[in-house]
Amino acid sequence: MEASRAEGRGGYLDLGRLTPAEYAGWTAALVLVGSLFLPWFGTSEDNGNSRLAGAGGGDTVNAWQTFALLDLLLVAAAAAPFILSWIIAREHKLTWKPGEVTMLVGIIAFVLVLCNGIILGRPKDEATDLAIEISLQIGYFVALFASLGMAASGYLRQSRYKEGRKPPGVI
């Protein structure tokens, strides 16, 4: 019998250590990646100057057509819940609470999506440098919701740890 099993531990990966928070994180990450294929921005049918990424006349564009870097950053962010699950299933020792990084990545993804549509304005057509009558579509809002879901799943996971930190100077 293998030594790790004799000690009562599982095999290479023990998925029994995962909580519903990890599964919620997986779901949110998959929804985030799926949102990149949904329409994010739409052009106006009535305004001929409403163009974005070669689309116009009421057409919509997804994140892959619109962004050069944000779409790749969101795919990288979607990896965080899976990496967290790997760390937990392998029972790696960490210097931080598991889930904190996933929570931060979810928050950063939320802010990036929010900035690239509401705070900093809509994307502009590269040829004309105009963003005339560009509307937000369903994919944009799904990405916002999914990134919040990732942050919430990370928060739920890290909240399971009750180890209080000692104040400075205490041994």
N, C-alpha and C. Protein backbone atom coordinates (compact mmCIF):
# COMPACT_ATOMS: atom_id res chain seq x y z
N MET A 1 0.85 -1.19 0.00
CA MET A 1 0.00 0.00 0.00
C MET A 1 0.89 1.24 0.00
N GLU A 2 0.47 2.21 -0.72
CA GLU A 2 1.21 3.46 -0.81
C GLU A 2 1.21 4.17 0.55
N ALA A 3 2.33 4.81 0.86
CA ALA A 3 2.48 5.45 2.18
C ALA A 3 1.44 6.53 2.41
N SER A 4 1.11 7.32 1.39
CA SER A 4 0.14 8.40 1.59
C SER A 4 -1.24 7.85 1.89
N ARG A 5 -1.60 6.72 1.32
CA ARG A 5 -2.90 6.13 1.60
C ARG A 5 -2.92 5.48 2.96
N ALA A 6 -1.77 4.96 3.39
CA ALA A 6 -1.69 4.36 4.72
C ALA A 6 -1.89 5.40 5.80
N GLU A 7 -1.50 6.64 5.52
CA GLU A 7 -1.67 7.72 6.48
C GLU A 7 -3.10 8.25 6.50
N GLY A 8 -3.96 7.75 5.64
CA GLY A 8 -5.34 8.20 5.62
C GLY A 8 -5.59 9.30 4.60
N ARG A 9 -4.59 9.65 3.85
CA ARG A 9 -4.76 10.68 2.83
C ARG A 9 -5.20 10.04 1.53
N GLY A 10 -5.76 10.83 0.66
CA GLY A 10 -6.20 10.34 -0.63
C GLY A 10 -5.03 10.16 -1.57
N GLY A 11 -5.33 9.96 -2.85
CA GLY A 11 -4.29 9.79 -3.86
C GLY A 11 -3.69 11.11 -4.27
N TYR A 12 -3.27 11.12 -5.52
CA TYR A 12 -2.59 12.30 -6.06
C TYR A 12 -3.47 13.54 -5.98
N LEU A 13 -4.72 13.38 -6.37
CA LEU A 13 -5.71 14.46 -6.26
C LEU A 13 -6.87 13.96 -5.41
N ASP A 14 -7.20 14.69 -4.38
CA ASP A 14 -8.34 14.34 -3.54
C ASP A 14 -9.42 15.39 -3.74
N LEU A 15 -10.35 15.10 -4.67
CA LEU A 15 -11.40 16.05 -4.97
C LEU A 15 -12.40 16.18 -3.83
N GLY A 16 -12.31 15.33 -2.85
CA GLY A 16 -13.17 15.43 -1.67
C GLY A 16 -12.87 16.66 -0.83
N ARG A 17 -11.71 17.25 -1.02
CA ARG A 17 -11.35 18.47 -0.28
C ARG A 17 -12.03 19.71 -0.84
N LEU A 18 -12.55 19.61 -2.06
CA LEU A 18 -13.18 20.77 -2.68
C LEU A 18 -14.54 21.04 -2.04
N THR A 19 -14.86 22.32 -1.96
CA THR A 19 -16.13 22.75 -1.39
C THR A 19 -17.02 23.29 -2.52
N PRO A 20 -18.28 23.57 -2.24
CA PRO A 20 -19.13 24.18 -3.27
C PRO A 20 -18.58 25.51 -3.80
N ALA A 21 -17.75 26.19 -3.02
CA ALA A 21 -17.16 27.45 -3.48
C ALA A 21 -16.27 27.23 -4.69
N GLU A 22 -15.52 26.12 -4.72
CA GLU A 22 -14.67 25.84 -5.87
C GLU A 22 -15.52 25.55 -7.11
N TYR A 23 -16.58 24.79 -6.92
CA TYR A 23 -17.45 24.47 -8.06
C TYR A 23 -18.15 25.73 -8.58
N ALA A 24 -18.52 26.62 -7.68
CA ALA A 24 -19.10 27.90 -8.10
C ALA A 24 -18.06 28.72 -8.86
N GLY A 25 -16.82 28.68 -8.43
CA GLY A 25 -15.75 29.37 -9.13
C GLY A 25 -15.53 28.81 -10.52
N TRP A 26 -15.60 27.48 -10.66
CA TRP A 26 -15.48 26.86 -11.97
C TRP A 26 -16.58 27.37 -12.89
N THR A 27 -17.80 27.36 -12.36
CA THR A 27 -18.95 27.79 -13.16
C THR A 27 -18.79 29.25 -13.59
N ALA A 28 -18.40 30.11 -12.65
CA ALA A 28 -18.22 31.53 -12.98
C ALA A 28 -17.12 31.71 -14.02
N ALA A 29 -16.04 30.95 -13.91
CA ALA A 29 -14.94 31.07 -14.86
C ALA A 29 -15.38 30.62 -16.25
N LEU A 30 -16.13 29.54 -16.33
CA LEU A 30 -16.60 29.07 -17.63
C LEU A 30 -17.60 30.06 -18.25
N VAL A 31 -18.43 30.66 -17.40
CA VAL A 31 -19.37 31.67 -17.90
C VAL A 31 -18.60 32.89 -18.39
N LEU A 32 -17.53 33.27 -17.69
CA LEU A 32 -16.71 34.41 -18.12
C LEU A 32 -16.10 34.15 -19.50
N VAL A 33 -15.54 32.98 -19.69
CA VAL A 33 -14.96 32.65 -21.00
C VAL A 33 -16.06 32.59 -22.06
N GLY A 34 -17.21 32.03 -21.72
CA GLY A 34 -18.33 31.97 -22.66
C GLY A 34 -18.84 33.34 -23.04
N SER A 35 -18.77 34.29 -22.10
CA SER A 35 -19.26 35.64 -22.39
C SER A 35 -18.42 36.33 -23.46
N LEU A 36 -17.19 35.90 -23.65
CA LEU A 36 -16.33 36.51 -24.65
C LEU A 36 -16.84 36.24 -26.07
N PHE A 37 -17.67 35.21 -26.23
CA PHE A 37 -18.22 34.86 -27.54
C PHE A 37 -19.59 35.48 -27.77
N LEU A 38 -20.19 36.04 -26.73
CA LEU A 38 -21.48 36.71 -26.86
C LEU A 38 -21.28 38.14 -27.36
N PRO A 39 -22.32 38.78 -27.89
CA PRO A 39 -22.18 40.19 -28.30
C PRO A 39 -21.92 41.10 -27.10
N TRP A 40 -20.87 41.90 -27.19
CA TRP A 40 -20.52 42.84 -26.12
C TRP A 40 -20.99 44.26 -26.45
N PHE A 41 -20.85 44.63 -27.71
CA PHE A 41 -21.18 45.99 -28.12
C PHE A 41 -21.99 45.94 -29.40
N GLY A 42 -22.90 46.90 -29.55
CA GLY A 42 -23.72 46.97 -30.75
C GLY A 42 -23.63 48.36 -31.37
N THR A 43 -23.82 48.41 -32.66
CA THR A 43 -23.79 49.68 -33.38
C THR A 43 -25.23 50.13 -33.66
N SER A 44 -25.39 51.38 -34.01
CA SER A 44 -26.71 51.94 -34.28
C SER A 44 -27.11 51.65 -35.73
N GLU A 45 -28.37 51.28 -35.91
CA GLU A 45 -28.89 51.05 -37.27
C GLU A 45 -29.06 52.36 -38.03
N ASP A 46 -29.41 53.41 -37.29
CA ASP A 46 -29.77 54.68 -37.93
C ASP A 46 -28.57 55.57 -38.25
N ASN A 47 -27.48 55.38 -37.54
CA ASN A 47 -26.32 56.26 -37.70
C ASN A 47 -25.22 55.54 -38.47
N GLY A 48 -24.90 56.01 -39.65
CA GLY A 48 -23.86 55.40 -40.47
C GLY A 48 -22.47 55.54 -39.89
N ASN A 49 -22.29 56.49 -38.98
CA ASN A 49 -20.99 56.69 -38.35
C ASN A 49 -20.77 55.76 -37.16
N SER A 50 -21.78 55.03 -36.77
CA SER A 50 -21.67 54.09 -35.66
C SER A 50 -21.02 52.81 -36.18
N ARG A 51 -19.72 52.74 -36.03
CA ARG A 51 -18.95 51.58 -36.52
C ARG A 51 -17.97 51.15 -35.44
N LEU A 52 -17.78 49.83 -35.37
CA LEU A 52 -16.85 49.29 -34.38
C LEU A 52 -16.30 47.96 -34.90
N ALA A 53 -15.00 47.87 -34.98
CA ALA A 53 -14.31 46.65 -35.43
C ALA A 53 -14.85 46.16 -36.77
N GLY A 54 -15.13 47.08 -37.68
CA GLY A 54 -15.62 46.73 -38.99
C GLY A 54 -17.11 46.48 -39.07
N ALA A 55 -17.80 46.53 -37.94
CA ALA A 55 -19.25 46.29 -37.92
C ALA A 55 -19.99 47.62 -37.90
N GLY A 56 -21.14 47.66 -38.50
CA GLY A 56 -21.97 48.85 -38.52
C GLY A 56 -23.38 48.48 -38.91
N GLY A 57 -24.27 49.44 -38.93
CA GLY A 57 -25.64 49.19 -39.36
C GLY A 57 -26.43 48.29 -38.44
N GLY A 58 -26.21 48.39 -37.14
CA GLY A 58 -26.96 47.58 -36.19
C GLY A 58 -26.30 46.26 -35.85
N ASP A 59 -25.12 45.99 -36.38
CA ASP A 59 -24.41 44.75 -36.07
C ASP A 59 -23.82 44.80 -34.67
N THR A 60 -23.50 43.63 -34.15
CA THR A 60 -22.87 43.53 -32.84
C THR A 60 -21.49 42.89 -33.00
N VAL A 61 -20.64 43.14 -32.01
CA VAL A 61 -19.31 42.53 -31.99
C VAL A 61 -19.08 41.92 -30.62
N ASN A 62 -18.27 40.85 -30.59
CA ASN A 62 -17.95 40.22 -29.32
C ASN A 62 -16.60 40.72 -28.81
N ALA A 63 -16.18 40.20 -27.68
CA ALA A 63 -14.93 40.67 -27.07
C ALA A 63 -13.71 40.30 -27.92
N TRP A 64 -13.75 39.15 -28.58
CA TRP A 64 -12.62 38.74 -29.41
C TRP A 64 -12.43 39.70 -30.58
N GLN A 65 -13.51 40.22 -31.13
CA GLN A 65 -13.42 41.14 -32.26
C GLN A 65 -13.02 42.55 -31.81
N THR A 66 -13.37 42.90 -30.59
CA THR A 66 -13.20 44.27 -30.12
C THR A 66 -11.83 44.54 -29.50
N PHE A 67 -11.40 43.65 -28.63
CA PHE A 67 -10.21 43.91 -27.82
C PHE A 67 -8.99 43.14 -28.34
N ALA A 68 -7.83 43.72 -28.09
CA ALA A 68 -6.58 43.06 -28.46
C ALA A 68 -5.96 42.36 -27.26
N LEU A 69 -6.18 42.88 -26.05
CA LEU A 69 -5.53 42.33 -24.87
C LEU A 69 -6.52 41.93 -23.77
N LEU A 70 -7.60 42.66 -23.61
CA LEU A 70 -8.54 42.39 -22.52
C LEU A 70 -9.10 40.97 -22.60
N ASP A 71 -9.42 40.50 -23.79
CA ASP A 71 -9.98 39.16 -23.92
C ASP A 71 -8.99 38.10 -23.41
N LEU A 72 -7.72 38.27 -23.70
CA LEU A 72 -6.70 37.33 -23.22
C LEU A 72 -6.52 37.43 -21.71
N LEU A 73 -6.60 38.64 -21.16
CA LEU A 73 -6.50 38.81 -19.71
C LEU A 73 -7.68 38.13 -18.99
N LEU A 74 -8.86 38.21 -19.58
CA LEU A 74 -10.02 37.58 -18.96
C LEU A 74 -9.93 36.06 -19.02
N VAL A 75 -9.37 35.52 -20.08
CA VAL A 75 -9.16 34.07 -20.14
C VAL A 75 -8.15 33.65 -19.08
N ALA A 76 -7.09 34.43 -18.91
CA ALA A 76 -6.10 34.14 -17.87
C ALA A 76 -6.73 34.24 -16.48
N ALA A 77 -7.59 35.22 -16.28
CA ALA A 77 -8.27 35.36 -14.99
C ALA A 77 -9.19 34.18 -14.73
N ALA A 78 -9.79 33.64 -15.77
CA ALA A 78 -10.70 32.50 -15.61
C ALA A 78 -9.96 31.24 -15.17
N ALA A 79 -8.66 31.22 -15.29
CA ALA A 79 -7.89 30.07 -14.84
C ALA A 79 -7.76 30.03 -13.32
N ALA A 80 -7.96 31.14 -12.64
CA ALA A 80 -7.73 31.23 -11.19
C ALA A 80 -8.54 30.21 -10.38
N PRO A 81 -9.84 30.02 -10.61
CA PRO A 81 -10.57 29.03 -9.81
C PRO A 81 -10.07 27.60 -10.02
N PHE A 82 -9.61 27.29 -11.23
CA PHE A 82 -9.09 25.95 -11.50
C PHE A 82 -7.75 25.74 -10.81
N ILE A 83 -6.92 26.77 -10.79
CA ILE A 83 -5.64 26.69 -10.08
C ILE A 83 -5.89 26.55 -8.58
N LEU A 84 -6.86 27.28 -8.05
CA LEU A 84 -7.21 27.16 -6.64
C LEU A 84 -7.65 25.74 -6.32
N SER A 85 -8.46 25.15 -7.17
CA SER A 85 -8.93 23.78 -6.95
C SER A 85 -7.77 22.80 -6.96
N TRP A 86 -6.83 23.01 -7.86
CA TRP A 86 -5.65 22.16 -7.91
C TRP A 86 -4.86 22.26 -6.61
N ILE A 87 -4.68 23.47 -6.13
CA ILE A 87 -3.93 23.68 -4.89
C ILE A 87 -4.62 22.99 -3.72
N ILE A 88 -5.93 23.09 -3.66
CA ILE A 88 -6.68 22.48 -2.55
C ILE A 88 -6.69 20.97 -2.68
N ALA A 89 -6.90 20.44 -3.89
CA ALA A 89 -6.95 19.00 -4.09
C ALA A 89 -5.60 18.34 -3.82
N ARG A 90 -4.52 19.06 -4.05
CA ARG A 90 -3.18 18.53 -3.78
C ARG A 90 -2.71 18.84 -2.36
N GLU A 91 -3.48 19.65 -1.65
CA GLU A 91 -3.19 20.04 -0.27
C GLU A 91 -1.82 20.71 -0.15
N HIS A 92 -1.56 21.65 -1.06
CA HIS A 92 -0.31 22.41 -1.01
C HIS A 92 -0.36 23.36 0.18
N LYS A 93 0.76 23.61 0.77
CA LYS A 93 0.87 24.57 1.86
C LYS A 93 1.07 25.96 1.27
N LEU A 94 0.29 26.91 1.76
CA LEU A 94 0.35 28.28 1.25
C LEU A 94 0.65 29.24 2.39
N THR A 95 1.16 30.41 2.05
CA THR A 95 1.39 31.44 3.05
C THR A 95 0.19 32.36 3.17
N TRP A 96 -0.82 32.16 2.34
CA TRP A 96 -2.06 32.95 2.39
C TRP A 96 -3.23 31.98 2.45
N LYS A 97 -4.38 32.51 2.75
CA LYS A 97 -5.59 31.69 2.78
C LYS A 97 -5.97 31.30 1.36
N PRO A 98 -6.25 30.03 1.11
CA PRO A 98 -6.71 29.64 -0.23
C PRO A 98 -8.01 30.38 -0.57
N GLY A 99 -8.04 30.96 -1.72
CA GLY A 99 -9.21 31.71 -2.16
C GLY A 99 -8.95 33.20 -2.26
N GLU A 100 -7.96 33.70 -1.53
CA GLU A 100 -7.70 35.14 -1.57
C GLU A 100 -7.28 35.61 -2.96
N VAL A 101 -6.41 34.85 -3.61
CA VAL A 101 -5.95 35.25 -4.94
C VAL A 101 -7.10 35.18 -5.94
N THR A 102 -7.92 34.13 -5.84
CA THR A 102 -9.07 34.02 -6.74
C THR A 102 -10.03 35.18 -6.54
N MET A 103 -10.22 35.57 -5.29
CA MET A 103 -11.09 36.71 -5.00
C MET A 103 -10.52 37.99 -5.63
N LEU A 104 -9.23 38.21 -5.48
CA LEU A 104 -8.60 39.40 -6.06
C LEU A 104 -8.64 39.38 -7.58
N VAL A 105 -8.41 38.23 -8.18
CA VAL A 105 -8.45 38.12 -9.64
C VAL A 105 -9.87 38.42 -10.14
N GLY A 106 -10.88 37.94 -9.43
CA GLY A 106 -12.26 38.24 -9.81
C GLY A 106 -12.57 39.72 -9.72
N ILE A 107 -12.07 40.36 -8.68
CA ILE A 107 -12.29 41.80 -8.52
C ILE A 107 -11.57 42.57 -9.63
N ILE A 108 -10.35 42.17 -9.95
CA ILE A 108 -9.59 42.84 -11.01
C ILE A 108 -10.29 42.65 -12.35
N ALA A 109 -10.79 41.44 -12.62
CA ALA A 109 -11.51 41.20 -13.88
C ALA A 109 -12.76 42.07 -13.95
N PHE A 110 -13.47 42.21 -12.83
CA PHE A 110 -14.66 43.07 -12.79
C PHE A 110 -14.30 44.51 -13.12
N VAL A 111 -13.23 45.01 -12.52
CA VAL A 111 -12.82 46.40 -12.76
C VAL A 111 -12.37 46.59 -14.21
N LEU A 112 -11.66 45.62 -14.77
CA LEU A 112 -11.22 45.73 -16.17
C LEU A 112 -12.41 45.78 -17.12
N VAL A 113 -13.41 44.93 -16.88
CA VAL A 113 -14.59 44.95 -17.74
C VAL A 113 -15.36 46.25 -17.55
N LEU A 114 -15.50 46.67 -16.31
CA LEU A 114 -16.22 47.91 -16.02
C LEU A 114 -15.54 49.11 -16.67
N CYS A 115 -14.22 49.14 -16.61
CA CYS A 115 -13.48 50.26 -17.22
C CYS A 115 -13.62 50.27 -18.74
N ASN A 116 -13.67 49.10 -19.35
CA ASN A 116 -13.72 49.02 -20.82
C ASN A 116 -15.13 49.01 -21.36
N GLY A 117 -15.99 49.82 -20.81
CA GLY A 117 -17.34 49.93 -21.33
C GLY A 117 -18.13 51.03 -20.66
N ILE A 118 -17.85 51.28 -19.39
CA ILE A 118 -18.62 52.29 -18.66
C ILE A 118 -17.71 53.42 -18.19
N ILE A 119 -16.70 53.11 -17.39
CA ILE A 119 -15.89 54.16 -16.78
C ILE A 119 -15.06 54.91 -17.82
N LEU A 120 -14.34 54.18 -18.67
CA LEU A 120 -13.49 54.83 -19.68
C LEU A 120 -14.19 55.01 -21.01
N GLY A 121 -15.45 54.62 -21.08
CA GLY A 121 -16.21 54.78 -22.31
C GLY A 121 -16.18 53.54 -23.17
N ARG A 122 -16.90 53.60 -24.28
CA ARG A 122 -16.99 52.48 -25.20
C ARG A 122 -15.74 52.41 -26.06
N PRO A 123 -15.44 51.23 -26.59
CA PRO A 123 -14.32 51.14 -27.53
C PRO A 123 -14.59 52.00 -28.76
N LYS A 124 -13.52 52.44 -29.38
CA LYS A 124 -13.65 53.30 -30.57
C LYS A 124 -13.23 52.54 -31.81
N ASP A 125 -13.78 52.94 -32.93
CA ASP A 125 -13.37 52.37 -34.20
C ASP A 125 -11.96 52.87 -34.48
N GLU A 126 -11.05 51.95 -34.79
CA GLU A 126 -9.65 52.33 -34.99
C GLU A 126 -9.46 53.24 -36.20
N ALA A 127 -10.29 53.08 -37.22
CA ALA A 127 -10.12 53.88 -38.44
C ALA A 127 -10.53 55.33 -38.24
N THR A 128 -11.63 55.56 -37.51
CA THR A 128 -12.13 56.92 -37.36
C THR A 128 -11.91 57.50 -35.97
N ASP A 129 -11.51 56.69 -35.00
CA ASP A 129 -11.30 57.11 -33.62
C ASP A 129 -12.58 57.69 -33.02
N LEU A 130 -13.73 57.15 -33.43
CA LEU A 130 -15.02 57.59 -32.91
C LEU A 130 -15.76 56.42 -32.25
N ALA A 131 -16.54 56.72 -31.24
CA ALA A 131 -17.39 55.72 -30.59
C ALA A 131 -18.81 56.28 -30.56
N ILE A 132 -19.39 56.43 -31.73
CA ILE A 132 -20.70 57.05 -31.85
C ILE A 132 -21.79 56.01 -31.70
N GLU A 133 -22.68 56.22 -30.75
CA GLU A 133 -23.84 55.37 -30.53
C GLU A 133 -23.47 53.89 -30.47
N ILE A 134 -22.53 53.57 -29.63
CA ILE A 134 -22.16 52.18 -29.37
C ILE A 134 -22.89 51.76 -28.10
N SER A 135 -23.64 50.69 -28.18
CA SER A 135 -24.43 50.24 -27.02
C SER A 135 -23.81 48.99 -26.40
N LEU A 136 -24.07 48.82 -25.12
CA LEU A 136 -23.63 47.62 -24.42
C LEU A 136 -24.63 46.50 -24.69
N GLN A 137 -24.10 45.30 -24.90
CA GLN A 137 -24.93 44.13 -25.19
C GLN A 137 -24.80 43.11 -24.06
N ILE A 138 -25.47 41.99 -24.21
CA ILE A 138 -25.60 40.99 -23.14
C ILE A 138 -24.26 40.42 -22.68
N GLY A 139 -23.32 40.19 -23.59
CA GLY A 139 -22.04 39.61 -23.22
C GLY A 139 -21.28 40.46 -22.21
N TYR A 140 -21.41 41.76 -22.33
CA TYR A 140 -20.74 42.67 -21.40
C TYR A 140 -21.26 42.46 -19.98
N PHE A 141 -22.57 42.38 -19.85
CA PHE A 141 -23.17 42.23 -18.52
C PHE A 141 -22.94 40.83 -17.95
N VAL A 142 -22.91 39.82 -18.82
CA VAL A 142 -22.60 38.47 -18.37
C VAL A 142 -21.17 38.41 -17.83
N ALA A 143 -20.24 39.10 -18.50
CA ALA A 143 -18.85 39.14 -18.03
C ALA A 143 -18.74 39.83 -16.67
N LEU A 144 -19.49 40.91 -16.48
CA LEU A 144 -19.49 41.57 -15.18
C LEU A 144 -20.00 40.63 -14.09
N PHE A 145 -21.11 39.96 -14.37
CA PHE A 145 -21.70 39.03 -13.40
C PHE A 145 -20.77 37.86 -13.11
N ALA A 146 -20.14 37.30 -14.14
CA ALA A 146 -19.24 36.16 -13.96
C ALA A 146 -18.00 36.54 -13.16
N SER A 147 -17.45 37.72 -13.39
CA SER A 147 -16.27 38.14 -12.62
C SER A 147 -16.63 38.36 -11.15
N LEU A 148 -17.83 38.88 -10.90
CA LEU A 148 -18.28 38.99 -9.51
C LEU A 148 -18.48 37.61 -8.89
N GLY A 149 -18.95 36.66 -9.69
CA GLY A 149 -19.09 35.29 -9.20
C GLY A 149 -17.76 34.68 -8.83
N MET A 150 -16.72 34.96 -9.61
CA MET A 150 -15.38 34.47 -9.26
C MET A 150 -14.90 35.09 -7.96
N ALA A 151 -15.13 36.38 -7.80
CA ALA A 151 -14.72 37.06 -6.57
C ALA A 151 -15.47 36.48 -5.38
N ALA A 152 -16.76 36.22 -5.54
CA ALA A 152 -17.56 35.67 -4.44
C ALA A 152 -17.11 34.26 -4.09
N SER A 153 -16.77 33.46 -5.09
CA SER A 153 -16.33 32.09 -4.80
C SER A 153 -15.00 32.11 -4.04
N GLY A 154 -14.10 33.00 -4.42
CA GLY A 154 -12.84 33.13 -3.69
C GLY A 154 -13.06 33.60 -2.27
N TYR A 155 -13.99 34.53 -2.11
CA TYR A 155 -14.31 35.02 -0.77
C TYR A 155 -14.88 33.90 0.10
N LEU A 156 -15.78 33.12 -0.46
CA LEU A 156 -16.37 32.02 0.31
C LEU A 156 -15.32 30.99 0.70
N ARG A 157 -14.36 30.73 -0.17
CA ARG A 157 -13.32 29.76 0.15
C ARG A 157 -12.39 30.28 1.24
N GLN A 158 -11.95 31.51 1.12
CA GLN A 158 -11.00 32.03 2.11
C GLN A 158 -11.66 32.28 3.45
N SER A 159 -12.98 32.45 3.47
CA SER A 159 -13.67 32.70 4.74
C SER A 159 -13.77 31.44 5.59
N ARG A 160 -13.46 30.28 5.04
CA ARG A 160 -13.50 29.02 5.80
C ARG A 160 -12.37 28.93 6.80
N TYR A 161 -11.34 29.73 6.65
CA TYR A 161 -10.18 29.67 7.53
C TYR A 161 -10.36 30.63 8.69
N LYS A 162 -10.28 30.09 9.87
CA LYS A 162 -10.53 30.89 11.07
C LYS A 162 -9.25 31.22 11.82
N GLU A 163 -8.13 30.90 11.25
CA GLU A 163 -6.86 31.18 11.90
C GLU A 163 -6.65 32.67 11.98
N GLY A 164 -6.65 33.20 13.18
CA GLY A 164 -6.41 34.63 13.35
C GLY A 164 -4.94 34.93 13.26
N ARG A 165 -4.62 36.05 12.73
CA ARG A 165 -3.22 36.46 12.65
C ARG A 165 -2.83 37.12 13.96
N LYS A 166 -1.61 36.88 14.34
CA LYS A 166 -1.12 37.46 15.57
C LYS A 166 -0.69 38.90 15.32
N PRO A 167 -0.90 39.78 16.29
CA PRO A 167 -0.42 41.15 16.12
C PRO A 167 1.10 41.18 16.11
N PRO A 168 1.69 42.23 15.56
CA PRO A 168 3.15 42.34 15.52
C PRO A 168 3.75 42.31 16.92
N GLY A 169 4.87 41.64 17.04
CA GLY A 169 5.58 41.58 18.31
C GLY A 169 5.12 40.47 19.23
N VAL A 170 4.14 39.67 18.83
CA VAL A 170 3.67 38.56 19.65
C VAL A 170 4.31 37.29 19.14
N ILE A 171 4.83 36.49 20.07
CA ILE A 171 5.51 35.26 19.67
C ILE A 171 4.54 34.10 19.72
